């Protein structure tokens, strides 16, 4: 199989990309980050409960960043050494735990005094995590899968399925990728070869985790896709942004009255909350129109809250800002799902 370019690409002189994206990688990176976040929270809770013990005795101190590095090395060795979905799952877990242990000690790396309790360290962790998630979404969402990526992903699923079998969901996804590649004009012989491999894959029973995921997805759809969830999320985010703006203004007034000057953290909180405040209440005023732009404005408000306001909240409140992140993230999920529903409805409208 020398090439997977389409006739149009061959005519224009286009070449296959050197970097091919894995269709499963976006979800794996997100799982890696979630495991890292949970590791940070569990580590901080454990150290606080045990009085911050040190491992290594009177002379040495084995920081848990070293254990984090070991976890990430284990993840790399596993994915370098073994094929299949199970090693990748092991790598995600080991790498996520290692990433969390490493990132938890960022305060020691950015201060001359190796200060684990450096207050802005939580904000630094938050920025790193958000940046990683944004880069992950940019890699997988900005451009659609190419024909080469569709073919290679389907072939990879077939290779794994020959040994371990394929679930109905994974088989259907591989065939969709193969169908897109065929429709784009990829070599029919290559398509037939991969299809033959897929047909030889033994069916694999859907595991309990897949069944739980399906049931959970159905229930979440019922909860998050309706207009009631939209209104609740809009009102809650609007109230949070209003409270944040008022609190920032009061704090700023007290600082000016006390002669301490303006604090950049307070200014950042005020700017972010003010932007979200305006977007939320303008959108709420037009939400009953059924148009899509108010929901998009609400999503922007949620993104401003998560990507701007919460950075300064973490500087001021450290882990106390987690509840605000949970509110902003939940609202973002509701608004994004609602936009998907409205866009699907627009496509399905009869002409």
Protein backbone atom coordinates (compact mmCIF):
# COMPACT_ATOMS: atom_id res chain seq x y z
CA UNK A 1 0.00 0.00 0.00
CA UNK A 2 2.21 2.81 -1.27
CA UNK A 3 -0.16 5.74 -0.88
CA UNK A 4 -3.62 6.63 0.36
CA UNK A 5 -4.03 9.95 -1.39
CA UNK A 6 -7.15 10.56 -3.44
CA UNK A 7 -7.02 11.21 -7.19
CA UNK A 8 -7.55 14.94 -6.62
CA UNK A 9 -4.69 15.05 -4.12
CA UNK A 10 -2.39 13.16 -6.49
CA UNK A 11 -3.26 15.56 -9.29
CA UNK A 12 -2.42 18.57 -7.13
CA UNK A 13 0.83 17.06 -5.94
CA UNK A 14 -0.28 16.81 -2.30
CA UNK A 15 1.55 14.33 -0.11
CA UNK A 16 0.42 12.28 2.84
CA UNK A 17 0.94 14.10 6.16
CA UNK A 18 3.86 12.97 8.28
CA UNK A 19 1.78 13.19 11.45
CA UNK A 20 -1.42 11.14 11.53
CA UNK A 21 -3.90 11.70 14.36
CA UNK A 22 -5.33 8.85 16.37
CA UNK A 23 -9.12 9.12 16.53
CA UNK A 24 -9.08 7.74 20.10
CA UNK A 25 -6.34 10.04 21.39
CA UNK A 26 -8.53 13.01 22.31
CA UNK A 27 -10.49 11.00 24.87
CA UNK A 28 -7.29 9.39 26.17
CA UNK A 29 -5.63 12.77 26.76
CA UNK A 30 -8.73 14.00 28.60
CA UNK A 31 -8.71 10.86 30.77
CA UNK A 32 -4.99 11.43 31.42
CA UNK A 33 -5.71 14.98 32.61
CA UNK A 34 -8.67 13.96 34.77
CA UNK A 35 -6.55 11.29 36.49
CA UNK A 36 -3.84 13.92 37.03
CA UNK A 37 -6.34 16.31 38.65
CA UNK A 38 -7.69 13.59 40.94
CA UNK A 39 -4.11 12.66 41.88
CA UNK A 40 -3.36 16.27 42.90
CA UNK A 41 -6.51 16.47 45.04
CA UNK A 42 -5.91 13.09 46.70
CA UNK A 43 -2.23 13.91 47.33
CA UNK A 44 -3.01 17.28 48.90
CA UNK A 45 -5.74 15.74 51.07
CA UNK A 46 -3.47 12.89 52.19
CA UNK A 47 -0.53 15.17 53.03
CA UNK A 48 -2.79 17.53 54.96
CA UNK A 49 -4.32 14.65 56.93
CA UNK A 50 -0.92 13.10 57.77
CA UNK A 51 0.95 16.30 58.64
CA UNK A 52 3.08 16.44 55.48
CA UNK A 53 5.49 13.54 56.18
CA UNK A 54 8.86 13.34 54.41
CA UNK A 55 10.20 10.18 52.82
CA UNK A 56 13.96 9.67 53.04
CA UNK A 57 15.02 10.11 56.65
CA UNK A 58 17.11 12.86 58.21
CA UNK A 59 19.44 13.43 55.27
CA UNK A 60 17.42 12.77 52.14
CA UNK A 61 14.01 13.94 51.02
CA UNK A 62 12.43 11.94 48.21
CA UNK A 63 9.91 14.39 46.78
CA UNK A 64 6.80 12.90 45.24
CA UNK A 65 7.69 14.69 41.99
CA UNK A 66 10.25 11.89 41.56
CA UNK A 67 7.51 9.28 41.87
CA UNK A 68 5.58 11.32 39.33
CA UNK A 69 8.49 11.18 36.91
CA UNK A 70 8.70 7.43 37.43
CA UNK A 71 4.99 7.07 36.62
CA UNK A 72 5.40 9.00 33.38
CA UNK A 73 8.45 6.93 32.42
CA UNK A 74 6.47 3.74 33.05
CA UNK A 75 3.70 5.08 30.78
CA UNK A 76 6.18 5.80 27.99
CA UNK A 77 7.89 2.42 28.26
CA UNK A 78 4.53 0.63 28.16
CA UNK A 79 3.31 2.41 25.01
CA UNK A 80 6.72 2.02 23.36
CA UNK A 81 6.83 -1.70 24.11
CA UNK A 82 3.32 -3.07 23.61
CA UNK A 83 0.49 -2.89 21.10
CA UNK A 84 -3.24 -2.73 21.73
CA UNK A 85 -5.81 -0.88 23.78
CA UNK A 86 -4.94 -2.40 27.18
CA UNK A 87 -1.34 -1.08 27.27
CA UNK A 88 -2.63 2.34 26.29
CA UNK A 89 -5.12 2.27 29.15
CA UNK A 90 -2.32 1.29 31.54
CA UNK A 91 -0.20 4.14 30.18
CA UNK A 92 -3.01 6.65 30.64
CA UNK A 93 -3.47 5.65 34.28
CA UNK A 94 0.26 5.48 35.12
CA UNK A 95 1.02 8.67 33.18
CA UNK A 96 -1.94 10.55 34.67
CA UNK A 97 -0.91 9.66 38.23
CA UNK A 98 2.69 10.59 37.45
CA UNK A 99 1.63 13.87 35.86
CA UNK A 100 -0.46 14.76 38.92
CA UNK A 101 2.35 13.95 41.38
CA UNK A 102 4.81 15.99 39.32
CA UNK A 103 2.54 18.99 38.83
CA UNK A 104 1.56 19.05 42.52
CA UNK A 105 5.09 20.19 43.42
CA UNK A 106 5.28 23.04 40.91
CA UNK A 107 5.67 25.52 43.79
CA UNK A 108 9.07 24.00 44.57
CA UNK A 109 10.22 24.43 40.99
CA UNK A 110 9.35 28.13 40.59
CA UNK A 111 10.56 29.49 43.94
CA UNK A 112 14.12 29.91 45.25
CA UNK A 113 13.03 28.62 48.65
CA UNK A 114 11.45 25.41 47.24
CA UNK A 115 8.12 26.54 48.69
CA UNK A 116 5.55 23.75 48.28
CA UNK A 117 2.88 26.10 49.70
CA UNK A 118 3.59 28.93 47.23
CA UNK A 119 0.10 30.44 46.85
CA UNK A 120 0.04 31.02 43.06
CA UNK A 121 1.12 27.39 42.46
CA UNK A 122 -2.51 26.26 42.27
CA UNK A 123 -3.17 28.86 39.58
CA UNK A 124 -0.09 27.62 37.69
CA UNK A 125 -1.44 24.04 37.86
CA UNK A 126 -4.79 25.27 36.57
CA UNK A 127 -3.21 27.15 33.64
CA UNK A 128 -1.13 24.10 32.66
CA UNK A 129 -4.18 21.81 32.75
CA UNK A 130 -6.38 24.22 30.78
CA UNK A 131 -3.63 24.79 28.21
CA UNK A 132 -3.18 21.04 27.77
CA UNK A 133 -6.91 20.52 27.25
CA UNK A 134 -7.11 23.41 24.77
CA UNK A 135 -4.15 22.08 22.76
CA UNK A 136 -5.77 18.65 22.75
CA UNK A 137 -9.05 20.07 21.40
CA UNK A 138 -7.17 22.18 18.85
CA UNK A 139 -5.32 19.12 17.54
CA UNK A 140 -8.48 17.07 17.11
CA UNK A 141 -11.22 19.62 16.40
CA UNK A 142 -9.75 22.33 14.16
CA UNK A 143 -9.40 20.03 11.14
CA UNK A 144 -11.49 17.01 10.25
CA UNK A 145 -9.90 13.60 9.94
CA UNK A 146 -8.06 13.23 6.65
CA UNK A 147 -8.55 10.27 4.33
CA UNK A 148 -5.15 8.90 5.35
CA UNK A 149 -6.11 9.16 9.04
CA UNK A 150 -9.45 7.46 8.43
CA UNK A 151 -7.77 4.55 6.66
CA UNK A 152 -4.96 4.17 9.20
CA UNK A 153 -7.35 4.34 12.17
CA UNK A 154 -9.60 1.69 10.61
CA UNK A 155 -6.57 -0.49 9.89
CA UNK A 156 -5.36 -0.06 13.47
CA UNK A 157 -8.74 -1.14 14.81
CA UNK A 158 -8.65 -4.18 12.53
CA UNK A 159 -5.15 -5.12 13.69
CA UNK A 160 -6.16 -4.93 17.35
CA UNK A 161 -9.44 -6.72 16.64
CA UNK A 162 -7.76 -9.69 14.99
CA UNK A 163 -6.27 -10.62 18.38
CA UNK A 164 -8.67 -9.21 20.94
CA UNK A 165 -11.91 -8.90 19.00
CA UNK A 166 -13.97 -5.74 18.50
CA UNK A 167 -17.02 -4.47 20.30
CA UNK A 168 -19.99 -3.54 18.08
CA UNK A 169 -19.35 0.14 18.76
CA UNK A 170 -15.66 -0.04 17.83
CA UNK A 171 -16.41 -2.08 14.69
CA UNK A 172 -19.08 0.41 13.56
CA UNK A 173 -16.70 3.31 14.12
CA UNK A 174 -13.95 1.61 12.08
CA UNK A 175 -16.36 0.95 9.22
CA UNK A 176 -17.52 4.58 9.26
CA UNK A 177 -13.90 5.67 8.93
CA UNK A 178 -13.38 3.22 6.09
CA UNK A 179 -16.55 4.45 4.35
CA UNK A 180 -15.34 8.06 4.51
CA UNK A 181 -11.97 7.06 3.07
CA UNK A 182 -13.68 5.12 0.25
CA UNK A 183 -15.99 8.05 -0.53
CA UNK A 184 -12.94 10.33 -0.80
CA UNK A 185 -11.45 8.08 -3.48
CA UNK A 186 -8.80 6.11 -1.57
CA UNK A 187 -7.40 3.09 -3.43
CA UNK A 188 -10.25 0.49 -3.51
CA UNK A 189 -7.73 -2.29 -3.00
CA UNK A 190 -6.59 -0.78 0.29
CA UNK A 191 -10.21 -0.31 1.37
CA UNK A 192 -11.04 -3.93 0.50
CA UNK A 193 -8.01 -5.21 2.40
CA UNK A 194 -8.93 -3.39 5.60
CA UNK A 195 -12.59 -4.39 5.24
CA UNK A 196 -11.50 -8.01 4.89
CA UNK A 197 -9.50 -7.73 8.12
CA UNK A 198 -12.46 -6.17 9.92
CA UNK A 199 -14.73 -8.99 8.77
CA UNK A 200 -12.29 -11.50 10.31
CA UNK A 201 -12.34 -9.82 13.74
CA UNK A 202 -14.19 -11.85 16.35
CA UNK A 203 -17.02 -10.03 18.10
CA UNK A 204 -16.16 -8.94 21.62
CA UNK A 205 -18.88 -8.66 24.22
CA UNK A 206 -19.60 -5.21 25.51
CA UNK A 207 -18.10 -4.97 28.98
CA UNK A 208 -19.74 -3.63 32.09
CA UNK A 209 -17.92 -0.34 31.70
CA UNK A 210 -19.33 0.12 28.19
CA UNK A 211 -22.84 -0.71 29.42
CA UNK A 212 -22.48 1.78 32.28
CA UNK A 213 -21.19 4.40 29.85
CA UNK A 214 -24.19 3.87 27.55
CA UNK A 215 -26.72 4.13 30.39
CA UNK A 216 -24.95 7.16 31.82
CA UNK A 217 -24.91 8.85 28.40
CA UNK A 218 -28.66 8.29 28.02
CA UNK A 219 -29.41 9.74 31.43
CA UNK A 220 -27.09 12.69 30.94
CA UNK A 221 -28.80 13.43 27.63
CA UNK A 222 -32.16 13.56 29.38
CA UNK A 223 -30.82 15.86 32.09
CA UNK A 224 -28.56 18.22 30.14
CA UNK A 225 -30.21 18.55 26.72
CA UNK A 226 -33.56 20.04 27.76
CA UNK A 227 -34.64 23.67 28.14
CA UNK A 228 -34.96 23.33 31.92
CA UNK A 229 -31.25 22.53 32.27
CA UNK A 230 -30.46 25.44 29.94
CA UNK A 231 -32.36 27.92 32.10
CA UNK A 232 -30.95 26.58 35.36
CA UNK A 233 -27.38 26.76 34.04
CA UNK A 234 -27.93 30.26 32.63
CA UNK A 235 -29.38 31.63 35.89
CA UNK A 236 -26.74 29.98 38.09
CA UNK A 237 -23.87 31.24 35.93
CA UNK A 238 -25.41 34.71 35.82
CA UNK A 239 -25.73 34.80 39.63
CA UNK A 240 -22.17 33.56 40.09
CA UNK A 241 -20.80 36.17 37.69
CA UNK A 242 -22.87 38.89 39.39
CA UNK A 243 -21.62 37.87 42.83
CA UNK A 244 -18.04 37.72 41.52
CA UNK A 245 -18.28 41.19 39.97
CA UNK A 246 -19.81 42.71 43.12
CA UNK A 247 -17.22 41.05 45.36
CA UNK A 248 -14.37 42.27 43.15
CA UNK A 249 -15.70 45.84 43.11
CA UNK A 250 -16.10 45.85 46.91
CA UNK A 251 -12.59 44.47 47.39
CA UNK A 252 -11.16 47.02 44.95
CA UNK A 253 -12.96 49.88 46.76
CA UNK A 254 -11.62 48.70 50.12
CA UNK A 255 -8.08 48.50 48.73
CA UNK A 256 -8.31 52.03 47.31
CA UNK A 257 -9.81 53.36 50.53
CA UNK A 258 -7.07 51.71 52.56
CA UNK A 259 -4.38 53.18 50.34
CA UNK A 260 -2.97 49.80 49.36
CA UNK A 261 -3.54 50.37 45.64
CA UNK A 262 -5.10 48.06 43.09
CA UNK A 263 -4.27 44.37 43.05
CA UNK A 264 -3.93 42.64 39.67
CA UNK A 265 -5.75 39.59 41.02
CA UNK A 266 -8.78 41.66 41.98
CA UNK A 267 -8.70 43.49 38.64
CA UNK A 268 -8.60 40.18 36.79
CA UNK A 269 -11.51 38.82 38.80
CA UNK A 270 -13.52 41.98 38.17
CA UNK A 271 -12.86 42.03 34.41
CA UNK A 272 -13.69 38.37 33.92
CA UNK A 273 -16.82 38.53 36.08
CA UNK A 274 -17.99 41.73 34.37
CA UNK A 275 -17.68 40.20 30.89
CA UNK A 276 -19.56 37.07 31.98
CA UNK A 277 -22.15 39.22 33.79
CA UNK A 278 -23.00 41.23 30.65
CA UNK A 279 -23.07 38.20 28.36
CA UNK A 280 -25.25 36.16 30.73
CA UNK A 281 -27.95 38.75 31.37
CA UNK A 282 -28.14 39.88 27.72
CA UNK A 283 -28.48 36.24 26.65
CA UNK A 284 -31.09 35.48 29.32
CA UNK A 285 -33.18 38.42 28.11
CA UNK A 286 -33.37 36.84 24.64
CA UNK A 287 -33.32 33.15 25.59
CA UNK A 288 -37.06 32.63 25.03
CA UNK A 289 -36.69 33.55 21.36
CA UNK A 290 -35.44 30.04 20.64
CA UNK A 291 -32.57 31.43 18.57
CA UNK A 292 -29.09 29.99 18.84
CA UNK A 293 -27.05 33.15 19.44
CA UNK A 294 -28.12 33.65 23.09
CA UNK A 295 -26.92 30.13 23.90
CA UNK A 296 -23.64 30.83 22.14
CA UNK A 297 -23.27 34.00 24.21
CA UNK A 298 -23.83 31.93 27.35
CA UNK A 299 -21.16 29.48 26.23
CA UNK A 300 -18.72 32.36 25.74
CA UNK A 301 -19.56 33.55 29.26
CA UNK A 302 -18.81 30.08 30.62
CA UNK A 303 -15.50 29.99 28.72
CA UNK A 304 -14.55 33.44 30.05
CA UNK A 305 -15.31 32.20 33.55
CA UNK A 306 -13.19 29.05 33.15
CA UNK A 307 -10.31 30.48 31.12
CA UNK A 308 -9.97 33.97 32.64
CA UNK A 309 -11.78 34.57 35.91
CA UNK A 310 -10.85 31.27 37.53
CA UNK A 311 -7.13 31.80 36.98
CA UNK A 312 -7.27 34.84 39.28
CA UNK A 313 -9.66 33.05 41.65
CA UNK A 314 -7.10 30.28 42.08
CA UNK A 315 -4.41 32.86 42.86
CA UNK A 316 -6.63 34.37 45.57
CA UNK A 317 -8.42 31.31 46.95
CA UNK A 318 -6.24 28.35 45.86
CA UNK A 319 -8.31 25.14 45.99
CA UNK A 320 -11.33 27.10 47.28
CA UNK A 321 -11.94 28.13 43.66
CA UNK A 322 -12.73 24.55 42.63
CA UNK A 323 -16.45 25.01 43.28
CA UNK A 324 -16.50 27.95 40.85
CA UNK A 325 -14.74 25.83 38.23
CA UNK A 326 -17.34 23.10 38.73
CA UNK A 327 -20.13 25.62 38.14
CA UNK A 328 -18.49 27.05 35.02
CA UNK A 329 -17.66 23.64 33.60
CA UNK A 330 -21.16 22.27 34.23
CA UNK A 331 -22.69 25.32 32.57
CA UNK A 332 -20.33 24.95 29.60
CA UNK A 333 -21.41 21.33 29.12
CA UNK A 334 -25.10 22.31 29.18
CA UNK A 335 -24.65 25.18 26.72
CA UNK A 336 -22.48 23.14 24.33
CA UNK A 337 -24.95 20.26 24.27
CA UNK A 338 -27.86 22.66 23.74
CA UNK A 339 -26.07 24.31 20.82
CA UNK A 340 -25.57 20.87 19.27
CA UNK A 341 -29.30 20.15 19.64
CA UNK A 342 -30.27 23.49 18.06
CA UNK A 343 -27.80 23.11 15.19
CA UNK A 344 -29.10 19.60 14.48
CA UNK A 345 -32.66 20.95 14.46
CA UNK A 346 -31.70 23.66 11.97
CA UNK A 347 -30.16 21.10 9.62
CA UNK A 348 -33.26 18.91 9.82
CA UNK A 349 -35.73 21.73 9.08
CA UNK A 350 -37.60 21.15 5.78
CA UNK A 351 -36.89 23.66 3.05
